[in-house]
Amino acid sequence: MFEYVTSTLSASLNVPSIMLLCVIAAGAYALVGANSRFFRILCTAFLVMSIPLIPKILFMPIDIGVLKVGNSAVQKAEVIVVITNGSSSDPDIGYQDLTNATGRRMAHAIKIAKELDLPMIASTTDKQEADIIASRYNKDVPVLVRIGGTRTRDHISQINDTLLKVEFSNVILITTGSHAFRTKTALEAKGFSVSQVIVGEKDGELNGIDLLPSFRGFLYWQIVLKEYWALGWYYFKGIL
């Protein structure tokens, strides 16, 4: 739990991390004999935000990803597009490889590409990751590797340019579940058809433990707030 708080919530300025800092500050303020009403209000809000059920329900309208390809997508798709997650390295021991998320997405994409006899486009985060993918996977199926960037809109821009060059218009997209709706909507706004979005996990699926307070609640709040904010920004900028 402590590792999650110090690494995930502290990684960037967001509502959950701000809330946690406010609770700590208000608690310290109450301990020195000041009015504790604000502390109680913050603790209540903190407890509510720690319940995963609430952000998961809010995420449901944009949780469009599926875990496997459907029949309708098979009939229409011309190419499989994968948005990767990066690579990791340790220069001290000469270690360099794809992240677990990228490895899983590429394995899933290769499997589908072989079954459907389709080419692939991989939008990567940097040259190191692009080089690993190009050397490792091209012998299995044709993979066109492009460096997209670290932001979703960078990947969208690179995928748009690549699809125009190779003259494909209907894709099966493989990406993270939290970005599925935003990516699909942005590509469709550019005139492409996204037959299906394949994800590794359905973030909006509910289960019994979602009723129990945990730090998973803050993780889902972070996902939900980021996605709805990004969608609003995309509409404001005319991307959608």
Protein backbone atom coordinates (compact mmCIF):
# COMPACT_ATOMS: atom_id res chain seq x y z
CA MET A 1 0.00 0.00 0.00
CA PHE A 2 2.76 2.44 0.93
CA GLU A 3 4.58 1.72 -2.34
CA TYR A 4 1.38 2.43 -4.29
CA VAL A 5 0.88 5.77 -2.51
CA THR A 6 4.47 6.90 -2.96
CA SER A 7 4.91 5.77 -6.57
CA THR A 8 1.55 5.74 -8.38
CA LEU A 9 -0.27 8.62 -6.68
CA SER A 10 2.85 10.74 -6.37
CA ALA A 11 3.92 10.21 -9.98
CA SER A 12 1.89 13.17 -11.19
CA LEU A 13 -0.38 15.86 -9.80
CA ASN A 14 -3.92 14.50 -9.80
CA VAL A 15 -7.08 14.63 -7.69
CA PRO A 16 -6.38 11.44 -5.67
CA SER A 17 -2.86 12.51 -4.72
CA ILE A 18 -4.04 16.02 -3.85
CA MET A 19 -6.82 14.54 -1.71
CA LEU A 20 -4.34 12.32 0.14
CA LEU A 21 -2.04 15.26 0.85
CA CYS A 22 -4.99 17.34 2.07
CA VAL A 23 -6.11 14.61 4.47
CA ILE A 24 -2.58 14.38 5.93
CA ALA A 25 -2.35 18.16 6.27
CA ALA A 26 -5.82 18.45 7.79
CA GLY A 27 -5.04 15.63 10.23
CA ALA A 28 -1.91 17.40 11.40
CA TYR A 29 -3.91 20.62 11.73
CA ALA A 30 -6.54 18.83 13.86
CA LEU A 31 -3.88 17.27 16.11
CA VAL A 32 -2.62 20.67 17.23
CA GLY A 33 -6.06 21.51 18.61
CA ALA A 34 -7.63 23.31 15.64
CA ASN A 35 -11.14 22.67 14.35
CA SER A 36 -11.35 19.07 13.11
CA ARG A 37 -14.52 19.52 10.99
CA PHE A 38 -12.54 19.98 7.77
CA PHE A 39 -10.52 16.87 8.63
CA ARG A 40 -13.72 14.81 9.04
CA ILE A 41 -15.08 16.08 5.70
CA LEU A 42 -11.86 15.18 3.93
CA CYS A 43 -11.74 11.75 5.55
CA THR A 44 -15.30 11.07 4.36
CA ALA A 45 -14.39 12.16 0.82
CA PHE A 46 -11.22 10.07 1.02
CA LEU A 47 -13.25 7.02 2.04
CA VAL A 48 -15.78 7.53 -0.77
CA MET A 49 -13.01 7.89 -3.36
CA SER A 50 -11.40 4.67 -2.16
CA ILE A 51 -14.45 2.61 -3.22
CA PRO A 52 -13.72 1.29 -6.76
CA LEU A 53 -17.42 0.84 -7.57
CA ILE A 54 -18.07 4.55 -8.14
CA PRO A 55 -15.31 5.34 -10.70
CA LYS A 56 -15.90 2.00 -12.42
CA ILE A 57 -19.57 2.89 -13.01
CA LEU A 58 -18.47 6.26 -14.40
CA PHE A 59 -16.02 4.48 -16.69
CA MET A 60 -18.58 2.04 -18.12
CA PRO A 61 -19.83 4.31 -20.97
CA ILE A 62 -16.33 4.45 -22.47
CA ASP A 63 -15.27 0.89 -21.66
CA ILE A 64 -15.64 -0.35 -25.25
CA GLY A 65 -12.71 -2.75 -25.50
CA VAL A 66 -13.21 -6.49 -25.94
CA LEU A 67 -10.93 -9.37 -24.97
CA LYS A 68 -11.07 -11.24 -28.29
CA VAL A 69 -11.91 -10.58 -31.93
CA GLY A 70 -15.53 -10.93 -33.03
CA ASN A 71 -16.79 -12.30 -36.34
CA SER A 72 -17.83 -8.90 -37.70
CA ALA A 73 -14.31 -7.53 -37.23
CA VAL A 74 -12.77 -10.51 -39.01
CA GLN A 75 -14.80 -9.84 -42.15
CA LYS A 76 -13.98 -6.13 -42.40
CA ALA A 77 -10.45 -5.62 -41.09
CA GLU A 78 -7.51 -4.90 -43.42
CA VAL A 79 -4.74 -4.43 -40.85
CA ILE A 80 -4.01 -4.84 -37.14
CA VAL A 81 -2.74 -1.72 -35.35
CA VAL A 82 -0.94 -2.07 -32.02
CA ILE A 83 -0.16 0.83 -29.69
CA THR A 84 2.73 -0.29 -27.52
CA ASN A 85 3.67 0.57 -23.95
CA GLY A 86 7.42 1.08 -24.06
CA SER A 87 10.57 -0.84 -23.21
CA SER A 88 12.77 -1.22 -20.16
CA SER A 89 16.53 -1.40 -19.82
CA ASP A 90 19.35 -1.76 -17.31
CA PRO A 91 22.62 -0.46 -18.79
CA ASP A 92 24.66 -1.91 -15.90
CA ILE A 93 23.88 -5.49 -16.96
CA GLY A 94 23.11 -4.81 -20.63
CA TYR A 95 19.44 -5.68 -20.22
CA GLN A 96 16.97 -4.32 -22.77
CA ASP A 97 13.50 -5.65 -23.50
CA LEU A 98 9.85 -4.74 -24.02
CA THR A 99 7.62 -4.03 -21.04
CA ASN A 100 5.24 -6.80 -20.02
CA ALA A 101 2.27 -4.84 -21.42
CA THR A 102 3.95 -4.39 -24.81
CA GLY A 103 4.98 -8.04 -24.92
CA ARG A 104 1.42 -9.18 -24.22
CA ARG A 105 -0.07 -6.84 -26.85
CA MET A 106 2.42 -7.93 -29.49
CA ALA A 107 1.85 -11.62 -28.72
CA HIS A 108 -1.91 -11.10 -28.98
CA ALA A 109 -1.52 -9.15 -32.22
CA ILE A 110 0.76 -11.78 -33.80
CA LYS A 111 -1.73 -14.51 -32.91
CA ILE A 112 -4.63 -12.62 -34.52
CA ALA A 113 -2.53 -11.62 -37.56
CA LYS A 114 -1.61 -15.25 -38.23
CA GLU A 115 -5.19 -16.44 -37.82
CA LEU A 116 -6.63 -13.75 -40.11
CA ASP A 117 -3.62 -13.45 -42.46
CA LEU A 118 -3.38 -9.70 -41.90
CA PRO A 119 -0.38 -7.33 -41.78
CA MET A 120 0.43 -5.30 -38.67
CA ILE A 121 1.33 -1.72 -37.78
CA ALA A 122 3.06 -1.11 -34.44
CA SER A 123 3.09 2.45 -33.08
CA THR A 124 5.92 2.52 -30.54
CA THR A 125 7.06 5.00 -27.91
CA ASP A 126 10.74 5.32 -28.91
CA LYS A 127 13.48 4.00 -31.21
CA GLN A 128 14.72 1.43 -28.69
CA GLU A 129 11.31 -0.22 -28.54
CA ALA A 130 10.87 0.05 -32.32
CA ASP A 131 14.19 -1.71 -32.93
CA ILE A 132 13.30 -4.61 -30.60
CA ILE A 133 9.90 -5.11 -32.25
CA ALA A 134 11.30 -4.89 -35.79
CA SER A 135 14.00 -7.48 -35.10
CA ARG A 136 11.84 -9.85 -33.05
CA TYR A 137 8.50 -10.00 -34.84
CA ASN A 138 9.00 -9.33 -38.55
CA LYS A 139 9.84 -12.96 -39.21
CA ASP A 140 6.38 -14.02 -37.96
CA VAL A 141 4.14 -11.60 -39.87
CA PRO A 142 4.73 -8.37 -41.82
CA VAL A 143 5.06 -5.62 -39.17
CA LEU A 144 5.36 -1.96 -40.15
CA VAL A 145 7.00 -0.28 -37.15
CA ARG A 146 6.56 3.45 -36.55
CA ILE A 147 7.62 5.66 -33.63
CA GLY A 148 4.43 7.27 -32.37
CA GLY A 149 5.41 8.90 -29.08
CA THR A 150 4.51 8.76 -25.41
CA ARG A 151 1.09 10.44 -25.63
CA THR A 152 -2.08 8.94 -27.07
CA ARG A 153 -2.56 11.83 -29.48
CA ASP A 154 0.99 11.29 -30.81
CA HIS A 155 0.13 7.68 -31.57
CA ILE A 156 -3.14 8.73 -33.23
CA SER A 157 -1.29 11.18 -35.46
CA GLN A 158 1.33 8.58 -36.46
CA ILE A 159 -1.29 5.90 -37.11
CA ASN A 160 -3.28 8.33 -39.24
CA ASP A 161 -0.26 9.18 -41.39
CA THR A 162 0.76 5.53 -41.74
CA LEU A 163 -2.72 4.31 -42.70
CA LEU A 164 -2.96 7.01 -45.37
CA LYS A 165 0.39 5.96 -46.85
CA VAL A 166 -0.42 2.24 -46.98
CA GLU A 167 -4.03 2.94 -48.00
CA PHE A 168 -5.78 0.91 -45.31
CA SER A 169 -9.07 2.19 -43.91
CA ASN A 170 -10.43 -0.56 -41.65
CA VAL A 171 -8.42 -1.68 -38.62
CA ILE A 172 -8.45 -3.89 -35.57
CA LEU A 173 -6.88 -1.82 -32.78
CA ILE A 174 -4.97 -3.29 -29.83
CA THR A 175 -4.29 -0.88 -26.97
CA THR A 176 -4.85 -0.34 -23.27
CA GLY A 177 -8.45 -0.51 -22.08
CA SER A 178 -8.46 2.94 -20.51
CA HIS A 179 -7.56 4.62 -23.84
CA ALA A 180 -9.74 2.44 -26.09
CA PHE A 181 -12.69 4.82 -26.54
CA ARG A 182 -10.57 7.93 -27.02
CA THR A 183 -8.29 6.30 -29.60
CA LYS A 184 -11.13 4.67 -31.53
CA THR A 185 -13.18 7.88 -31.61
CA ALA A 186 -10.20 9.96 -32.76
CA LEU A 187 -9.33 7.56 -35.59
CA GLU A 188 -12.96 7.42 -36.73
CA ALA A 189 -13.06 11.23 -36.72
CA LYS A 190 -10.21 11.09 -39.25
CA GLY A 191 -12.26 8.85 -41.54
CA PHE A 192 -11.03 5.37 -40.60
CA SER A 193 -13.16 2.44 -39.48
CA VAL A 194 -12.19 0.64 -36.28
CA SER A 195 -13.85 -2.76 -36.44
CA GLN A 196 -12.90 -3.65 -32.89
CA VAL A 197 -10.65 -2.59 -30.04
CA ILE A 198 -8.85 -5.46 -28.32
CA VAL A 199 -7.70 -4.84 -24.74
CA GLY A 200 -5.97 -6.91 -22.09
CA GLU A 201 -8.40 -6.02 -19.31
CA LYS A 202 -11.90 -4.56 -19.01
CA ASP A 203 -11.51 -1.69 -16.54
CA GLY A 204 -15.27 -1.18 -16.23
CA GLU A 205 -16.21 -4.72 -15.24
CA LEU A 206 -17.67 -4.93 -11.74
CA ASN A 207 -17.06 -7.56 -9.09
CA GLY A 208 -17.77 -8.04 -5.41
CA ILE A 209 -14.58 -6.50 -4.05
CA ASP A 210 -15.39 -3.19 -5.79
CA LEU A 211 -17.70 -2.44 -2.84
CA LEU A 212 -14.76 -2.50 -0.43
CA PRO A 213 -12.56 0.56 0.15
CA SER A 214 -9.01 0.12 -1.17
CA PHE A 215 -6.35 2.11 -2.97
CA ARG A 216 -7.65 0.57 -6.19
CA GLY A 217 -10.43 3.14 -5.93
CA PHE A 218 -7.92 5.96 -6.36
CA LEU A 219 -6.35 4.19 -9.31
CA TYR A 220 -9.73 4.02 -11.06
CA TRP A 221 -10.49 7.65 -10.21
CA GLN A 222 -7.18 8.58 -11.81
CA ILE A 223 -8.12 6.64 -14.97
CA VAL A 224 -11.65 8.07 -15.17
CA LEU A 225 -10.70 11.69 -14.54
CA LYS A 226 -7.82 11.52 -17.03
CA GLU A 227 -9.94 9.99 -19.78
CA TYR A 228 -12.90 12.36 -19.46
CA TRP A 229 -10.56 15.35 -19.23
CA ALA A 230 -8.69 14.16 -22.35
CA LEU A 231 -11.95 13.61 -24.24
CA GLY A 232 -13.07 17.13 -23.37
CA TRP A 233 -9.73 18.51 -24.52
CA TYR A 234 -9.94 16.57 -27.79
CA TYR A 235 -13.40 18.02 -28.48
CA PHE A 236 -12.16 21.52 -27.60
CA LYS A 237 -9.16 21.19 -29.95
CA GLY A 238 -11.29 19.75 -32.76
CA ILE A 239 -9.57 16.35 -32.74
CA LEU A 240 -12.96 14.64 -32.31
